[in-house]
Amino acid sequence: MTTVQQTQIPHYLTGSWDIDTTHSEVAFTARHLMVSKVRGRFTGFSGRIVTAEDPTKSSVEATVDLATVNTSNADRDAHLRSADFLDVERYPTMSYRSTAVRWDGDDLVVDGELTLRG
């Protein structure tokens, strides 16, 4: 026999929300020549979070405008937008969609698929 214990999450609300781009960020850090780190972000993105009564039935979707990459270096940003990396002309967006939400101890983990360059 398996015993399932339902946990109450304080202040948890069910519903559907658009990601607040004013108070959110899509950022990255990449190693350059294993010596330094390059930090950047994408300023154009949108998404939606849907929380269900059962948290494991919740979902997340997001889309990122790859042309908005910003590493504070115009030449590097242009190179990142080129076919050598993001190929923004052919693939203008990157997307994420959750495939599952699961418990890992006391934490919830969101598994998903990131689609980049098709």
PDB file of N, CA and C in Angstrom:
ATOM      1  N   MET A   1       0.831  -1.181   0.000  1.00  0.00           N
ATOM      2  CA  MET A   1       0.000   0.000   0.000  1.00  0.00           C
ATOM      3  C   MET A   1       0.875   1.244   0.000  1.00  0.00           C
ATOM      4  N   THR A   2       0.545   2.216  -0.828  1.00  0.00           N
ATOM      5  CA  THR A   2       1.284   3.469  -0.915  1.00  0.00           C
ATOM      6  C   THR A   2       0.488   4.558  -0.215  1.00  0.00           C
ATOM      7  N   THR A   3       1.166   5.325   0.609  1.00  0.00           N
ATOM      8  CA  THR A   3       0.526   6.442   1.287  1.00  0.00           C
ATOM      9  C   THR A   3       0.951   7.722   0.599  1.00  0.00           C
ATOM     10  N   VAL A   4      -0.019   8.545   0.197  1.00  0.00           N
ATOM     11  CA  VAL A   4       0.259   9.821  -0.436  1.00  0.00           C
ATOM     12  C   VAL A   4      -0.117  10.922   0.537  1.00  0.00           C
ATOM     13  N   GLN A   5       0.832  11.809   0.788  1.00  0.00           N
ATOM     14  CA  GLN A   5       0.574  12.921   1.688  1.00  0.00           C
ATOM     15  C   GLN A   5       0.478  14.196   0.858  1.00  0.00           C
ATOM     16  N   GLN A   6      -0.671  14.868   0.940  1.00  0.00           N
ATOM     17  CA  GLN A   6      -0.841  16.109   0.204  1.00  0.00           C
ATOM     18  C   GLN A   6      -0.318  17.254   1.065  1.00  0.00           C
ATOM     19  N   THR A   7       0.531  18.071   0.479  1.00  0.00           N
ATOM     20  CA  THR A   7       1.142  19.178   1.191  1.00  0.00           C
ATOM     21  C   THR A   7       0.468  20.474   0.790  1.00  0.00           C
ATOM     22  N   GLN A   8       0.144  21.301   1.760  1.00  0.00           N
ATOM     23  CA  GLN A   8      -0.381  22.633   1.478  1.00  0.00           C
ATOM     24  C   GLN A   8       0.796  23.554   1.208  1.00  0.00           C
ATOM     25  N   ILE A   9       0.707  24.332   0.171  1.00  0.00           N
ATOM     26  CA  ILE A   9       1.748  25.298  -0.162  1.00  0.00           C
ATOM     27  C   ILE A   9       1.252  26.663   0.288  1.00  0.00           C
ATOM     28  N   PRO A  10       1.949  27.304   1.234  1.00  0.00           N
ATOM     29  CA  PRO A  10       1.494  28.613   1.715  1.00  0.00           C
ATOM     30  C   PRO A  10       1.382  29.623   0.578  1.00  0.00           C
ATOM     31  N   HIS A  11       0.300  30.359   0.538  1.00  0.00           N
ATOM     32  CA  HIS A  11       0.049  31.442  -0.416  1.00  0.00           C
ATOM     33  C   HIS A  11      -0.059  30.959  -1.866  1.00  0.00           C
ATOM     34  N   TYR A  12      -0.235  29.685  -2.079  1.00  0.00           N
ATOM     35  CA  TYR A  12      -0.367  29.142  -3.438  1.00  0.00           C
ATOM     36  C   TYR A  12      -1.730  29.523  -4.007  1.00  0.00           C
ATOM     37  N   LEU A  13      -1.730  30.047  -5.221  1.00  0.00           N
ATOM     38  CA  LEU A  13      -2.963  30.419  -5.907  1.00  0.00           C
ATOM     39  C   LEU A  13      -3.049  29.685  -7.231  1.00  0.00           C
ATOM     40  N   THR A  14      -4.251  29.281  -7.587  1.00  0.00           N
ATOM     41  CA  THR A  14      -4.444  28.702  -8.912  1.00  0.00           C
ATOM     42  C   THR A  14      -4.858  29.815  -9.862  1.00  0.00           C
ATOM     43  N   GLY A  15      -4.486  29.654 -11.113  1.00  0.00           N
ATOM     44  CA  GLY A  15      -4.856  30.657 -12.100  1.00  0.00           C
ATOM     45  C   GLY A  15      -3.883  30.684 -13.252  1.00  0.00           C
ATOM     46  N   SER A  16      -4.010  31.718 -14.061  1.00  0.00           N
ATOM     47  CA  SER A  16      -3.183  31.878 -15.250  1.00  0.00           C
ATOM     48  C   SER A  16      -2.600  33.286 -15.241  1.00  0.00           C
ATOM     49  N   TRP A  17      -1.283  33.375 -15.424  1.00  0.00           N
ATOM     50  CA  TRP A  17      -0.606  34.663 -15.374  1.00  0.00           C
ATOM     51  C   TRP A  17       0.359  34.822 -16.542  1.00  0.00           C
ATOM     52  N   ASP A  18       0.370  36.028 -17.104  1.00  0.00           N
ATOM     53  CA  ASP A  18       1.405  36.382 -18.069  1.00  0.00           C
ATOM     54  C   ASP A  18       2.660  36.746 -17.284  1.00  0.00           C
ATOM     55  N   ILE A  19       3.814  36.368 -17.804  1.00  0.00           N
ATOM     56  CA  ILE A  19       5.071  36.712 -17.148  1.00  0.00           C
ATOM     57  C   ILE A  19       5.242  38.222 -17.195  1.00  0.00           C
ATOM     58  N   ASP A  20       5.549  38.810 -16.060  1.00  0.00           N
ATOM     59  CA  ASP A  20       5.739  40.259 -15.930  1.00  0.00           C
ATOM     60  C   ASP A  20       7.155  40.588 -16.400  1.00  0.00           C
ATOM     61  N   THR A  21       7.266  41.088 -17.630  1.00  0.00           N
ATOM     62  CA  THR A  21       8.596  41.332 -18.205  1.00  0.00           C
ATOM     63  C   THR A  21       9.327  42.493 -17.537  1.00  0.00           C
ATOM     64  N   THR A  22       8.602  43.331 -16.818  1.00  0.00           N
ATOM     65  CA  THR A  22       9.244  44.427 -16.100  1.00  0.00           C
ATOM     66  C   THR A  22      10.017  43.918 -14.889  1.00  0.00           C
ATOM     67  N   HIS A  23       9.522  42.853 -14.280  1.00  0.00           N
ATOM     68  CA  HIS A  23      10.141  42.328 -13.067  1.00  0.00           C
ATOM     69  C   HIS A  23      10.760  40.947 -13.257  1.00  0.00           C
ATOM     70  N   SER A  24      10.977  40.554 -14.506  1.00  0.00           N
ATOM     71  CA  SER A  24      11.560  39.249 -14.823  1.00  0.00           C
ATOM     72  C   SER A  24      12.737  39.445 -15.765  1.00  0.00           C
ATOM     73  N   GLU A  25      13.526  38.391 -15.924  1.00  0.00           N
ATOM     74  CA  GLU A  25      14.707  38.483 -16.776  1.00  0.00           C
ATOM     75  C   GLU A  25      15.000  37.131 -17.401  1.00  0.00           C
ATOM     76  N   VAL A  26      15.431  37.147 -18.657  1.00  0.00           N
ATOM     77  CA  VAL A  26      15.964  35.965 -19.325  1.00  0.00           C
ATOM     78  C   VAL A  26      17.438  36.267 -19.542  1.00  0.00           C
ATOM     79  N   ALA A  27      18.282  35.606 -18.768  1.00  0.00           N
ATOM     80  CA  ALA A  27      19.714  35.920 -18.779  1.00  0.00           C
ATOM     81  C   ALA A  27      20.537  34.645 -18.922  1.00  0.00           C
ATOM     82  N   PHE A  28      21.806  34.821 -19.280  1.00  0.00           N
ATOM     83  CA  PHE A  28      22.708  33.682 -19.444  1.00  0.00           C
ATOM     84  C   PHE A  28      24.132  34.088 -19.072  1.00  0.00           C
ATOM     85  N   THR A  29      24.924  33.082 -18.794  1.00  0.00           N
ATOM     86  CA  THR A  29      26.361  33.237 -18.574  1.00  0.00           C
ATOM     87  C   THR A  29      27.049  32.158 -19.393  1.00  0.00           C
ATOM     88  N   ALA A  30      28.074  32.555 -20.156  1.00  0.00           N
ATOM     89  CA  ALA A  30      28.833  31.600 -20.965  1.00  0.00           C
ATOM     90  C   ALA A  30      30.317  31.781 -20.682  1.00  0.00           C
ATOM     91  N   ARG A  31      31.035  30.688 -20.651  1.00  0.00           N
ATOM     92  CA  ARG A  31      32.489  30.754 -20.480  1.00  0.00           C
ATOM     93  C   ARG A  31      33.137  31.088 -21.815  1.00  0.00           C
ATOM     94  N   HIS A  32      34.119  31.980 -21.773  1.00  0.00           N
ATOM     95  CA  HIS A  32      34.869  32.358 -22.965  1.00  0.00           C
ATOM     96  C   HIS A  32      36.307  31.894 -22.781  1.00  0.00           C
ATOM     97  N   LEU A  33      36.726  30.947 -23.637  1.00  0.00           N
ATOM     98  CA  LEU A  33      38.081  30.384 -23.587  1.00  0.00           C
ATOM     99  C   LEU A  33      38.428  29.821 -22.215  1.00  0.00           C
ATOM    100  N   MET A  34      37.423  29.404 -21.463  1.00  0.00           N
ATOM    101  CA  MET A  34      37.594  28.823 -20.130  1.00  0.00           C
ATOM    102  C   MET A  34      38.323  29.767 -19.167  1.00  0.00           C
ATOM    103  N   VAL A  35      38.380  31.043 -19.504  1.00  0.00           N
ATOM    104  CA  VAL A  35      39.090  32.023 -18.678  1.00  0.00           C
ATOM    105  C   VAL A  35      38.121  33.021 -18.063  1.00  0.00           C
ATOM    106  N   SER A  36      37.236  33.543 -18.884  1.00  0.00           N
ATOM    107  CA  SER A  36      36.323  34.570 -18.384  1.00  0.00           C
ATOM    108  C   SER A  36      34.882  34.171 -18.657  1.00  0.00           C
ATOM    109  N   LYS A  37      33.974  34.895 -18.042  1.00  0.00           N
ATOM    110  CA  LYS A  37      32.552  34.658 -18.255  1.00  0.00           C
ATOM    111  C   LYS A  37      31.963  35.833 -19.005  1.00  0.00           C
ATOM    112  N   VAL A  38      31.093  35.519 -19.945  1.00  0.00           N
ATOM    113  CA  VAL A  38      30.342  36.531 -20.672  1.00  0.00           C
ATOM    114  C   VAL A  38      28.904  36.431 -20.184  1.00  0.00           C
ATOM    115  N   ARG A  39      28.387  37.556 -19.731  1.00  0.00           N
ATOM    116  CA  ARG A  39      27.007  37.590 -19.269  1.00  0.00           C
ATOM    117  C   ARG A  39      26.160  38.359 -20.275  1.00  0.00           C
ATOM    118  N   GLY A  40      24.939  37.906 -20.442  1.00  0.00           N
ATOM    119  CA  GLY A  40      24.040  38.578 -21.359  1.00  0.00           C
ATOM    120  C   GLY A  40      22.605  38.327 -20.977  1.00  0.00           C
ATOM    121  N   ARG A  41      21.725  38.951 -21.738  1.00  0.00           N
ATOM    122  CA  ARG A  41      20.299  38.771 -21.501  1.00  0.00           C
ATOM    123  C   ARG A  41      19.536  39.028 -22.785  1.00  0.00           C
ATOM    124  N   PHE A  42      18.293  38.630 -22.779  1.00  0.00           N
ATOM    125  CA  PHE A  42      17.371  38.902 -23.871  1.00  0.00           C
ATOM    126  C   PHE A  42      16.317  39.847 -23.320  1.00  0.00           C
ATOM    127  N   THR A  43      16.133  40.983 -23.991  1.00  0.00           N
ATOM    128  CA  THR A  43      15.202  41.980 -23.480  1.00  0.00           C
ATOM    129  C   THR A  43      13.778  41.792 -23.989  1.00  0.00           C
ATOM    130  N   GLY A  44      13.601  40.959 -25.009  1.00  0.00           N
ATOM    131  CA  GLY A  44      12.267  40.714 -25.549  1.00  0.00           C
ATOM    132  C   GLY A  44      11.821  39.289 -25.284  1.00  0.00           C
ATOM    133  N   PHE A  45      10.798  39.138 -24.461  1.00  0.00           N
ATOM    134  CA  PHE A  45      10.278  37.805 -24.165  1.00  0.00           C
ATOM    135  C   PHE A  45       8.853  37.920 -23.642  1.00  0.00           C
ATOM    136  N   SER A  46       8.151  36.807 -23.694  1.00  0.00           N
ATOM    137  CA  SER A  46       6.799  36.745 -23.147  1.00  0.00           C
ATOM    138  C   SER A  46       6.559  35.320 -22.679  1.00  0.00           C
ATOM    139  N   GLY A  47       5.547  35.149 -21.873  1.00  0.00           N
ATOM    140  CA  GLY A  47       5.243  33.808 -21.402  1.00  0.00           C
ATOM    141  C   GLY A  47       4.016  33.778 -20.528  1.00  0.00           C
ATOM    142  N   ARG A  48       3.622  32.570 -20.191  1.00  0.00           N
ATOM    143  CA  ARG A  48       2.427  32.355 -19.378  1.00  0.00           C
ATOM    144  C   ARG A  48       2.683  31.197 -18.420  1.00  0.00           C
ATOM    145  N   ILE A  49       2.229  31.379 -17.201  1.00  0.00           N
ATOM    146  CA  ILE A  49       2.291  30.339 -16.176  1.00  0.00           C
ATOM    147  C   ILE A  49       0.863  30.018 -15.763  1.00  0.00           C
ATOM    148  N   VAL A  50       0.531  28.736 -15.765  1.00  0.00           N
ATOM    149  CA  VAL A  50      -0.793  28.296 -15.342  1.00  0.00           C
ATOM    150  C   VAL A  50      -0.595  27.376 -14.140  1.00  0.00           C
ATOM    151  N   THR A  51      -1.173  27.756 -13.008  1.00  0.00           N
ATOM    152  CA  THR A  51      -1.078  26.930 -11.806  1.00  0.00           C
ATOM    153  C   THR A  51      -2.414  26.239 -11.586  1.00  0.00           C
ATOM    154  N   ALA A  52      -2.345  24.936 -11.372  1.00  0.00           N
ATOM    155  CA  ALA A  52      -3.536  24.112 -11.198  1.00  0.00           C
ATOM    156  C   ALA A  52      -3.745  23.789  -9.721  1.00  0.00           C
ATOM    157  N   GLU A  53      -4.933  23.338  -9.395  1.00  0.00           N
ATOM    158  CA  GLU A  53      -5.251  22.927  -8.023  1.00  0.00           C
ATOM    159  C   GLU A  53      -4.207  21.913  -7.534  1.00  0.00           C
ATOM    160  N   ASP A  54      -3.887  20.946  -8.395  1.00  0.00           N
ATOM    161  CA  ASP A  54      -2.790  20.008  -8.151  1.00  0.00           C
ATOM    162  C   ASP A  54      -1.557  20.618  -8.817  1.00  0.00           C
ATOM    163  N   PRO A  55      -0.568  21.076  -8.043  1.00  0.00           N
ATOM    164  CA  PRO A  55       0.595  21.754  -8.630  1.00  0.00           C
ATOM    165  C   PRO A  55       1.283  20.969  -9.746  1.00  0.00           C
ATOM    166  N   THR A  56       1.219  19.637  -9.711  1.00  0.00           N
ATOM    167  CA  THR A  56       1.878  18.843 -10.742  1.00  0.00           C
ATOM    168  C   THR A  56       1.137  18.885 -12.077  1.00  0.00           C
ATOM    169  N   LYS A  57      -0.020  19.508 -12.110  1.00  0.00           N
ATOM    170  CA  LYS A  57      -0.781  19.689 -13.356  1.00  0.00           C
ATOM    171  C   LYS A  57      -0.593  21.102 -13.914  1.00  0.00           C
ATOM    172  N   SER A  58       0.326  21.870 -13.345  1.00  0.00           N
ATOM    173  CA  SER A  58       0.597  23.234 -13.781  1.00  0.00           C
ATOM    174  C   SER A  58       1.464  23.225 -15.041  1.00  0.00           C
ATOM    175  N   SER A  59       1.598  24.408 -15.682  1.00  0.00           N
ATOM    176  CA  SER A  59       2.391  24.476 -16.910  1.00  0.00           C
ATOM    177  C   SER A  59       3.025  25.852 -17.086  1.00  0.00           C
ATOM    178  N   VAL A  60       4.059  25.873 -17.932  1.00  0.00           N
ATOM    179  CA  VAL A  60       4.780  27.106 -18.247  1.00  0.00           C
ATOM    180  C   VAL A  60       5.052  27.112 -19.750  1.00  0.00           C
ATOM    181  N   GLU A  61       4.890  28.281 -20.378  1.00  0.00           N
ATOM    182  CA  GLU A  61       5.272  28.481 -21.772  1.00  0.00           C
ATOM    183  C   GLU A  61       5.960  29.829 -21.872  1.00  0.00           C
ATOM    184  N   ALA A  62       7.003  29.907 -22.698  1.00  0.00           N
ATOM    185  CA  ALA A  62       7.702  31.181 -22.889  1.00  0.00           C
ATOM    186  C   ALA A  62       8.292  31.246 -24.292  1.00  0.00           C
ATOM    187  N   THR A  63       8.380  32.465 -24.820  1.00  0.00           N
ATOM    188  CA  THR A  63       8.997  32.725 -26.118  1.00  0.00           C
ATOM    189  C   THR A  63       9.976  33.874 -25.953  1.00  0.00           C
ATOM    190  N   VAL A  64      11.155  33.733 -26.550  1.00  0.00           N
ATOM    191  CA  VAL A  64      12.204  34.747 -26.450  1.00  0.00           C
ATOM    192  C   VAL A  64      12.529  35.258 -27.847  1.00  0.00           C
ATOM    193  N   ASP A  65      12.562  36.573 -27.995  1.00  0.00           N
ATOM    194  CA  ASP A  65      12.947  37.227 -29.252  1.00  0.00           C
ATOM    195  C   ASP A  65      14.479  37.266 -29.293  1.00  0.00           C
ATOM    196  N   LEU A  66      15.073  36.419 -30.108  1.00  0.00           N
ATOM    197  CA  LEU A  66      16.529  36.269 -30.123  1.00  0.00           C
ATOM    198  C   LEU A  66      17.258  37.504 -30.636  1.00  0.00           C
ATOM    199  N   ALA A  67      16.593  38.337 -31.407  1.00  0.00           N
ATOM    200  CA  ALA A  67      17.230  39.565 -31.899  1.00  0.00           C
ATOM    201  C   ALA A  67      17.527  40.543 -30.770  1.00  0.00           C
ATOM    202  N   THR A  68      16.943  40.310 -29.592  1.00  0.00           N
ATOM    203  CA  THR A  68      17.135  41.229 -28.466  1.00  0.00           C
ATOM    204  C   THR A  68      18.295  40.827 -27.561  1.00  0.00           C
ATOM    205  N   VAL A  69      19.160  39.936 -28.025  1.00  0.00           N
ATOM    206  CA  VAL A  69      20.313  39.539 -27.217  1.00  0.00           C
ATOM    207  C   VAL A  69      21.171  40.767 -26.915  1.00  0.00           C
ATOM    208  N   ASN A  70      21.638  40.861 -25.672  1.00  0.00           N
ATOM    209  CA  ASN A  70      22.430  42.015 -25.263  1.00  0.00           C
ATOM    210  C   ASN A  70      23.509  41.556 -24.280  1.00  0.00           C
ATOM    211  N   THR A  71      24.768  41.660 -24.722  1.00  0.00           N
ATOM    212  CA  THR A  71      25.906  41.332 -23.852  1.00  0.00           C
ATOM    213  C   THR A  71      26.727  42.582 -23.534  1.00  0.00           C
ATOM    214  N   SER A  72      26.185  43.737 -23.875  1.00  0.00           N
ATOM    215  CA  SER A  72      26.861  45.039 -23.696  1.00  0.00           C
ATOM    216  C   SER A  72      28.071  45.197 -24.612  1.00  0.00           C
ATOM    217  N   ASN A  73      28.081  44.463 -25.716  1.00  0.00           N
ATOM    218  CA  ASN A  73      29.140  44.579 -26.709  1.00  0.00           C
ATOM    219  C   ASN A  73      28.485  44.409 -28.078  1.00  0.00           C
ATOM    220  N   ALA A  74      28.328  45.499 -28.824  1.00  0.00           N
ATOM    221  CA  ALA A  74      27.594  45.487 -30.096  1.00  0.00           C
ATOM    222  C   ALA A  74      28.166  44.496 -31.109  1.00  0.00           C
ATOM    223  N   ASP A  75      29.498  44.412 -31.210  1.00  0.00           N
ATOM    224  CA  ASP A  75      30.106  43.476 -32.165  1.00  0.00           C
ATOM    225  C   ASP A  75      29.804  42.026 -31.779  1.00  0.00           C
ATOM    226  N   ARG A  76      29.930  41.713 -30.511  1.00  0.00           N
ATOM    227  CA  ARG A  76      29.649  40.351 -30.053  1.00  0.00           C
ATOM    228  C   ARG A  76      28.167  40.024 -30.251  1.00  0.00           C
ATOM    229  N   ASP A  77      27.287  40.979 -29.955  1.00  0.00           N
ATOM    230  CA  ASP A  77      25.853  40.749 -30.132  1.00  0.00           C
ATOM    231  C   ASP A  77      25.522  40.474 -31.593  1.00  0.00           C
ATOM    232  N   ALA A  78      26.127  41.221 -32.503  1.00  0.00           N
ATOM    233  CA  ALA A  78      25.909  40.993 -33.938  1.00  0.00           C
ATOM    234  C   ALA A  78      26.390  39.595 -34.333  1.00  0.00           C
ATOM    235  N   HIS A  79      27.528  39.169 -33.782  1.00  0.00           N
ATOM    236  CA  HIS A  79      28.041  37.830 -34.079  1.00  0.00           C
ATOM    237  C   HIS A  79      27.102  36.761 -33.517  1.00  0.00           C
ATOM    238  N   LEU A  80      26.582  36.973 -32.323  1.00  0.00           N
ATOM    239  CA  LEU A  80      25.641  36.011 -31.744  1.00  0.00           C
ATOM    240  C   LEU A  80      24.368  35.890 -32.584  1.00  0.00           C
ATOM    241  N   ARG A  81      23.920  36.987 -33.188  1.00  0.00           N
ATOM    242  CA  ARG A  81      22.715  36.967 -34.029  1.00  0.00           C
ATOM    243  C   ARG A  81      22.963  36.288 -35.381  1.00  0.00           C
ATOM    244  N   SER A  82      24.213  36.164 -35.776  1.00  0.00           N
ATOM    245  CA  SER A  82      24.561  35.620 -37.094  1.00  0.00           C
ATOM    246  C   SER A  82      24.301  34.116 -37.180  1.00  0.00           C
ATOM    247  N   ALA A  83      24.478  33.576 -38.389  1.00  0.00           N
ATOM    248  CA  ALA A  83      24.294  32.138 -38.621  1.00  0.00           C
ATOM    249  C   ALA A  83      25.316  31.297 -37.862  1.00  0.00           C
ATOM    250  N   ASP A  84      26.425  31.903 -37.400  1.00  0.00           N
ATOM    251  CA  ASP A  84      27.403  31.157 -36.611  1.00  0.00           C
ATOM    252  C   ASP A  84      26.825  30.682 -35.282  1.00  0.00           C
ATOM    253  N   PHE A  85      25.846  31.412 -34.758  1.00  0.00           N
ATOM    254  CA  PHE A  85      25.277  31.067 -33.453  1.00  0.00           C
ATOM    255  C   PHE A  85      23.756  30.935 -33.525  1.00  0.00           C
ATOM    256  N   LEU A  86      23.033  32.022 -33.274  1.00  0.00           N
ATOM    257  CA  LEU A  86      21.575  31.955 -33.161  1.00  0.00           C
ATOM    258  C   LEU A  86      20.849  31.930 -34.506  1.00  0.00           C
ATOM    259  N   ASP A  87      21.455  32.465 -35.550  1.00  0.00           N
ATOM    260  CA  ASP A  87      20.847  32.528 -36.879  1.00  0.00           C
ATOM    261  C   ASP A  87      19.447  33.155 -36.804  1.00  0.00           C
ATOM    262  N   VAL A  88      19.416  34.364 -36.248  1.00  0.00           N
ATOM    263  CA  VAL A  88      18.165  35.077 -35.997  1.00  0.00           C
ATOM    264  C   VAL A  88      17.355  35.306 -37.263  1.00  0.00           C
ATOM    265  N   GLU A  89      18.023  35.472 -38.402  1.00  0.00           N
ATOM    266  CA  GLU A  89      17.299  35.697 -39.650  1.00  0.00           C
ATOM    267  C   GLU A  89      16.400  34.512 -39.984  1.00  0.00           C
ATOM    268  N   ARG A  90      16.882  33.306 -39.779  1.00  0.00           N
ATOM    269  CA  ARG A  90      16.091  32.094 -40.067  1.00  0.00           C
ATOM    270  C   ARG A  90      15.254  31.639 -38.887  1.00  0.00           C
ATOM    271  N   TYR A  91      15.746  31.848 -37.668  1.00  0.00           N
ATOM    272  CA  TYR A  91      15.083  31.377 -36.445  1.00  0.00           C
ATOM    273  C   TYR A  91      14.959  32.542 -35.454  1.00  0.00           C
ATOM    274  N   PRO A  92      13.961  33.376 -35.597  1.00  0.00           N
ATOM    275  CA  PRO A  92      13.877  34.594 -34.786  1.00  0.00           C
ATOM    276  C   PRO A  92      13.529  34.385 -33.319  1.00  0.00           C
ATOM    277  N   THR A  93      13.008  33.212 -32.968  1.00  0.00           N
ATOM    278  CA  THR A  93      12.618  33.003 -31.570  1.00  0.00           C
ATOM    279  C   THR A  93      13.137  31.688 -31.017  1.00  0.00           C
ATOM    280  N   MET A  94      13.188  31.654 -29.708  1.00  0.00           N
ATOM    281  CA  MET A  94      13.478  30.446 -28.940  1.00  0.00           C
ATOM    282  C   MET A  94      12.244  30.244 -28.065  1.00  0.00           C
ATOM    283  N   SER A  95      11.849  29.004 -27.847  1.00  0.00           N
ATOM    284  CA  SER A  95      10.662  28.776 -27.030  1.00  0.00           C
ATOM    285  C   SER A  95      10.916  27.687 -25.990  1.00  0.00           C
ATOM    286  N   TYR A  96      10.131  27.779 -24.927  1.00  0.00           N
ATOM    287  CA  TYR A  96      10.179  26.781 -23.856  1.00  0.00           C
ATOM    288  C   TYR A  96       8.750  26.403 -23.521  1.00  0.00           C
ATOM    289  N   ARG A  97       8.533  25.115 -23.309  1.00  0.00           N
ATOM    290  CA  ARG A  97       7.240  24.658 -22.808  1.00  0.00           C
ATOM    291  C   ARG A  97       7.489  23.520 -21.832  1.00  0.00           C
ATOM    292  N   SER A  98       6.783  23.582 -20.732  1.00  0.00           N
ATOM    293  CA  SER A  98       6.944  22.536 -19.736  1.00  0.00           C
ATOM    294  C   SER A  98       6.310  21.249 -20.234  1.00  0.00           C
ATOM    295  N   THR A  99       6.913  20.129 -19.834  1.00  0.00           N
ATOM    296  CA  THR A  99       6.356  18.820 -20.168  1.00  0.00           C
ATOM    297  C   THR A  99       5.875  18.099 -18.922  1.00  0.00           C
ATOM    298  N   ALA A 100       6.334  18.555 -17.756  1.00  0.00           N
ATOM    299  CA  ALA A 100       5.911  17.942 -16.500  1.00  0.00           C
ATOM    300  C   ALA A 100       6.309  18.843 -15.340  1.00  0.00           C
ATOM    301  N   VAL A 101       5.545  18.744 -14.278  1.00  0.00           N
ATOM    302  CA  VAL A 101       5.894  19.368 -13.006  1.00  0.00           C
ATOM    303  C   VAL A 101       5.863  18.237 -11.987  1.00  0.00           C
ATOM    304  N   ARG A 102       6.951  18.099 -11.225  1.00  0.00           N
ATOM    305  CA  ARG A 102       7.045  16.961 -10.310  1.00  0.00           C
ATOM    306  C   ARG A 102       7.663  17.381  -8.990  1.00  0.00           C
ATOM    307  N   TRP A 103       7.329  16.617  -7.975  1.00  0.00           N
ATOM    308  CA  TRP A 103       7.920  16.839  -6.659  1.00  0.00           C
ATOM    309  C   TRP A 103       9.296  16.200  -6.597  1.00  0.00           C
ATOM    310  N   ASP A 104      10.244  16.877  -5.988  1.00  0.00           N
ATOM    311  CA  ASP A 104      11.568  16.348  -5.671  1.00  0.00           C
ATOM    312  C   ASP A 104      11.801  16.705  -4.207  1.00  0.00           C
ATOM    313  N   GLY A 105      11.400  15.814  -3.322  1.00  0.00           N
ATOM    314  CA  GLY A 105      11.424  16.136  -1.893  1.00  0.00           C
ATOM    315  C   GLY A 105      10.386  17.206  -1.615  1.00  0.00           C
ATOM    316  N   ASP A 106      10.813  18.305  -1.042  1.00  0.00           N
ATOM    317  CA  ASP A 106       9.909  19.421  -0.754  1.00  0.00           C
ATOM    318  C   ASP A 106       9.832  20.428  -1.890  1.00  0.00           C
ATOM    319  N   ASP A 107      10.609  20.209  -2.954  1.00  0.00           N
ATOM    320  CA  ASP A 107      10.676  21.160  -4.065  1.00  0.00           C
ATOM    321  C   ASP A 107       9.849  20.679  -5.251  1.00  0.00           C
ATOM    322  N   LEU A 108       9.359  21.627  -6.023  1.00  0.00           N
ATOM    323  CA  LEU A 108       8.722  21.323  -7.302  1.00  0.00           C
ATOM    324  C   LEU A 108       9.738  21.571  -8.404  1.00  0.00           C
ATOM    325  N   VAL A 109       9.853  20.644  -9.336  1.00  0.00           N
ATOM    326  CA  VAL A 109      10.772  20.750 -10.466  1.00  0.00           C
ATOM    327  C   VAL A 109       9.927  20.811 -11.736  1.00  0.00           C
ATOM    328  N   VAL A 110      10.267  21.750 -12.615  1.00  0.00           N
ATOM    329  CA  VAL A 110       9.575  21.880 -13.895  1.00  0.00           C
ATOM    330  C   VAL A 110      10.488  21.322 -14.978  1.00  0.00           C
ATOM    331  N   ASP A 111      10.058  20.251 -15.623  1.00  0.00           N
ATOM    332  CA  ASP A 111      10.768  19.684 -16.761  1.00  0.00           C
ATOM    333  C   ASP A 111      10.180  20.290 -18.024  1.00  0.00           C
ATOM    334  N   GLY A 112      10.999  20.423 -19.081  1.00  0.00           N
ATOM    335  CA  GLY A 112      10.440  20.995 -20.294  1.00  0.00           C
ATOM    336  C   GLY A 112      11.336  20.857 -21.491  1.00  0.00           C
ATOM    337  N   GLU A 113      10.865  21.426 -22.591  1.00  0.00           N
ATOM    338  CA  GLU A 113      11.580  21.377 -23.871  1.00  0.00           C
ATOM    339  C   GLU A 113      11.928  22.795 -24.290  1.00  0.00           C
ATOM    340  N   LEU A 114      13.205  23.024 -24.559  1.00  0.00           N
ATOM    341  CA  LEU A 114      13.692  24.292 -25.083  1.00  0.00           C
ATOM    342  C   LEU A 114      13.949  24.105 -26.566  1.00  0.00           C
ATOM    343  N   THR A 115      13.334  24.944 -27.396  1.00  0.00           N
ATOM    344  CA  THR A 115      13.503  24.834 -28.839  1.00  0.00           C
ATOM    345  C   THR A 115      14.298  26.033 -29.332  1.00  0.00           C
ATOM    346  N   LEU A 116      15.441  25.748 -29.943  1.00  0.00           N
ATOM    347  CA  LEU A 116      16.349  26.764 -30.449  1.00  0.00           C
ATOM    348  C   LEU A 116      16.792  26.340 -31.840  1.00  0.00           C
ATOM    349  N   ARG A 117      16.772  27.257 -32.797  1.00  0.00           N
ATOM    350  CA  ARG A 117      17.109  26.965 -34.192  1.00  0.00           C
ATOM    351  C   ARG A 117      16.237  25.838 -34.743  1.00  0.00           C
ATOM    352  N   GLY A 118      14.943  25.972 -34.512  1.00  0.00           N
ATOM    353  CA  GLY A 118      13.985  25.023 -35.045  1.00  0.00           C
ATOM    354  C   GLY A 118      13.885  23.768 -34.209  1.00  0.00           C
TER     355      GLY A 118
END
